[in-house]
Amino acid sequence: LPAENARKELSLSLFGSTQSSTTFPAKKKKRNGNTSTDSEGLTGSPREDGRFYKHLTIMRKLNSVLIISSTFYKKVSLRKLTKRVGDLREENKKLKQELKVSKAQSKRLSDKVDHLKDVIKELIDTNLISGDALSALDKTKKTRTKETELVRYLGSNLSASRRRCKQ
């Protein structure tokens, strides 16, 4: 798009029209009573023909420069996009790795909670603590909270059972 706009502006400034083609309508000029026209739009006058070819050459050169510059612009944009895609892939890999780590931590915590539940069941079976520990554990919602709740409950009940044993 920038190349096409620049081509139109140049064409407008040189020839007064926005045609992108390099052919011009035939001109008619009277010279000593004779009308000379050419099928290619040239008048037959060497001065005007030279100017026409000069403008035509300039347009061709500018057209090739615009094509080269637009190609370069596209290549630079493509490089930037490729680099951005690479960066996004790296970021995606890091996030996937973090997700794996957090899943592993969550699994370890849930395993700890399950182990503590088993310990409480054994303690209830041996009548060291009351059955309220499991109900207190099931009422808590978060895994970390469950773990801390269990530790507190076990600590308070174990100290109470120790006091009972000392008496």
Foldseek 3Di string as FASTA:
>chain_A
DVLLVVLQVVCCVPPVGRDNDLFDDADWDADPNDTATDPRRDRPDPVRVVVSVVVVVVSVVSNVVSVVVVVVVVVVVVVVVVVVVVVVVVVVVVVVVVVVVVVVVVVVLVVVLVVLVVVVVVCVVVVLAPPVLVVVLVPDDDSVVSVVSSVVVCVVSNVVSVVVVVD
